[in-house]
Amino acid sequence: MAKAQDFNTMIQDMMSAFPIDMKGAQEAFKSTAALGEKMSKAALDAAEKSADVSSKWTNETLAKMGDVSKAKPEAADYSESVKTFASASAEMASENMAAFAEIAKKLQMETVELLMAAGKDMGEEATAAVKKATDEVTKAAKKSA
């Protein structure tokens, strides 16, 4: 009767013949975590600036509403007050939308710069890891032959 092969031993022998470099995986994790941190910081900065613009816009609008809500001596003064408010609101909207656009543009530029730098770094790391793995596999193959 044939004896069953011990697959555990065979797998262990195979894994030891082709060592895995965990340092590369750790470096990749660190790089990814650092990129995530930088991306989060850029997004949070943009969110903070957007909140500031929104808050300023709200405060300015409420201040202008105070003029509209005041009692007027003549009926025509009410329409003039609303007309002035509408004109000021349109101007504020234009200014604030431009401020939001600048924030978005800055965030987009920062994101592209971060991703390009990360891509360059990861490309260099991948090239080094592949070269090292190739060298190790070649040595292991020569050793087993």
Protein backbone atom coordinates (compact mmCIF):
# COMPACT_ATOMS: atom_id res chain seq x y z
CA MET A 1 0.00 0.00 0.00
CA ALA A 2 1.26 3.51 -0.84
CA LYS A 3 2.15 5.86 1.98
CA ALA A 4 0.32 9.24 1.97
CA GLN A 5 2.50 12.27 1.38
CA ASP A 6 2.89 14.78 4.18
CA PHE A 7 1.64 17.96 2.50
CA ASN A 8 2.41 20.10 5.57
CA THR A 9 6.10 19.35 5.22
CA MET A 10 5.98 19.93 1.48
CA ILE A 11 4.27 23.33 1.91
CA GLN A 12 6.71 24.37 4.65
CA ASP A 13 9.65 23.41 2.44
CA MET A 14 8.19 25.38 -0.46
CA MET A 15 7.53 28.47 1.69
CA SER A 16 11.03 28.40 3.14
CA ALA A 17 12.50 28.11 -0.37
CA PHE A 18 10.72 31.33 -1.36
CA PRO A 19 10.98 33.67 1.62
CA ILE A 20 8.51 36.54 1.87
CA ASP A 21 9.83 39.93 2.80
CA MET A 22 7.40 41.35 5.36
CA LYS A 23 9.42 44.55 5.55
CA GLY A 24 8.12 45.47 2.10
CA ALA A 25 4.53 44.96 3.23
CA GLN A 26 5.15 47.05 6.34
CA GLU A 27 6.68 49.85 4.27
CA ALA A 28 3.72 49.74 1.88
CA PHE A 29 1.34 49.99 4.85
CA LYS A 30 3.29 52.94 6.27
CA SER A 31 3.28 54.69 2.88
CA THR A 32 -0.45 54.15 2.48
CA ALA A 33 -1.14 55.39 6.01
CA ALA A 34 0.99 58.50 5.42
CA LEU A 35 -0.84 59.22 2.17
CA GLY A 36 -4.18 58.78 3.93
CA GLU A 37 -3.10 61.19 6.65
CA LYS A 38 -2.03 63.84 4.13
CA MET A 39 -5.23 63.42 2.10
CA SER A 40 -7.34 63.69 5.26
CA LYS A 41 -5.51 66.83 6.34
CA ALA A 42 -6.10 68.47 2.95
CA ALA A 43 -9.80 67.51 3.02
CA LEU A 44 -10.26 68.75 6.59
CA ASP A 45 -8.52 72.05 5.79
CA ALA A 46 -10.84 72.54 2.81
CA ALA A 47 -13.88 71.66 4.93
CA GLU A 48 -12.81 74.16 7.59
CA LYS A 49 -12.34 76.92 5.02
CA SER A 50 -15.70 76.09 3.43
CA ALA A 51 -17.38 76.27 6.83
CA ASP A 52 -15.77 79.68 7.43
CA VAL A 53 -17.03 81.00 4.08
CA SER A 54 -20.50 79.59 4.74
CA SER A 55 -20.62 81.10 8.23
CA LYS A 56 -19.47 84.50 6.96
CA TRP A 57 -22.06 84.39 4.19
CA THR A 58 -24.81 83.54 6.67
CA ASN A 59 -23.80 86.34 9.03
CA GLU A 60 -23.72 88.88 6.19
CA THR A 61 -27.12 87.73 4.93
CA LEU A 62 -28.64 87.99 8.39
CA ALA A 63 -27.22 91.49 8.80
CA LYS A 64 -28.77 92.54 5.49
CA MET A 65 -32.08 90.96 6.52
CA GLY A 66 -32.12 93.26 9.53
CA ASP A 67 -32.48 96.24 7.20
CA VAL A 68 -35.33 94.58 5.31
CA SER A 69 -37.26 93.75 8.48
CA LYS A 70 -37.24 97.30 9.87
CA ALA A 71 -40.47 99.28 9.75
CA LYS A 72 -40.57 101.85 6.96
CA PRO A 73 -42.52 105.11 6.82
CA GLU A 74 -43.67 104.63 3.20
CA ALA A 75 -44.84 101.53 1.32
CA ALA A 76 -42.39 102.23 -1.49
CA ASP A 77 -39.53 102.05 1.02
CA TYR A 78 -40.28 98.34 1.51
CA SER A 79 -39.79 97.54 -2.17
CA GLU A 80 -36.60 99.62 -2.23
CA SER A 81 -35.35 97.72 0.83
CA VAL A 82 -36.09 94.35 -0.80
CA LYS A 83 -34.45 95.51 -4.05
CA THR A 84 -31.31 96.54 -2.14
CA PHE A 85 -31.28 93.23 -0.28
CA ALA A 86 -31.67 91.22 -3.49
CA SER A 87 -28.83 93.13 -5.14
CA ALA A 88 -26.54 92.68 -2.13
CA SER A 89 -27.48 88.98 -1.93
CA ALA A 90 -26.57 88.43 -5.57
CA GLU A 91 -23.24 90.15 -5.07
CA MET A 92 -22.53 88.13 -1.91
CA ALA A 93 -23.48 84.91 -3.70
CA SER A 94 -21.04 85.66 -6.50
CA GLU A 95 -18.21 86.46 -4.08
CA ASN A 96 -18.84 83.41 -1.90
CA MET A 97 -19.18 81.02 -4.83
CA ALA A 98 -15.83 82.29 -6.08
CA ALA A 99 -14.37 81.64 -2.61
CA PHE A 100 -15.78 78.09 -2.65
CA ALA A 101 -14.32 77.56 -6.12
CA GLU A 102 -10.89 78.66 -4.91
CA ILE A 103 -11.06 76.25 -1.99
CA ALA A 104 -12.05 73.40 -4.31
CA LYS A 105 -9.32 74.31 -6.79
CA LYS A 106 -6.68 74.35 -4.05
CA LEU A 107 -7.87 70.99 -2.71
CA GLN A 108 -7.81 69.50 -6.20
CA MET A 109 -4.24 70.73 -6.78
CA GLU A 110 -3.09 69.37 -3.40
CA THR A 111 -4.75 66.02 -4.11
CA VAL A 112 -3.11 65.68 -7.51
CA GLU A 113 0.29 66.61 -6.07
CA LEU A 114 -0.09 64.07 -3.24
CA LEU A 115 -1.20 61.30 -5.59
CA MET A 116 1.62 61.99 -8.06
CA ALA A 117 4.21 61.97 -5.27
CA ALA A 118 2.72 58.78 -3.83
CA GLY A 119 2.68 57.14 -7.25
CA LYS A 120 6.33 58.02 -7.80
CA ASP A 121 7.30 56.71 -4.35
CA MET A 122 5.27 53.53 -4.76
CA GLY A 123 6.75 52.95 -8.21
CA GLU A 124 10.25 53.23 -6.81
CA GLU A 125 9.38 50.94 -3.89
CA ALA A 126 7.77 48.40 -6.22
CA THR A 127 10.81 48.38 -8.51
CA ALA A 128 13.13 47.82 -5.56
CA ALA A 129 10.88 45.08 -4.15
CA VAL A 130 10.65 43.27 -7.50
CA LYS A 131 14.42 43.45 -7.96
CA LYS A 132 15.00 42.09 -4.46
CA ALA A 133 12.42 39.32 -4.93
CA THR A 134 13.94 38.37 -8.27
CA ASP A 135 17.39 38.16 -6.72
CA GLU A 136 16.09 36.01 -3.84
CA VAL A 137 14.16 33.68 -6.15
CA THR A 138 17.19 33.31 -8.38
CA LYS A 139 19.38 32.45 -5.38
CA ALA A 140 16.77 29.98 -4.08
CA ALA A 141 16.45 28.35 -7.51
CA LYS A 142 20.24 27.99 -7.82
CA LYS A 143 20.42 26.60 -4.31
CA SER A 144 17.72 23.97 -4.92
CA ALA A 145 19.21 22.91 -8.28
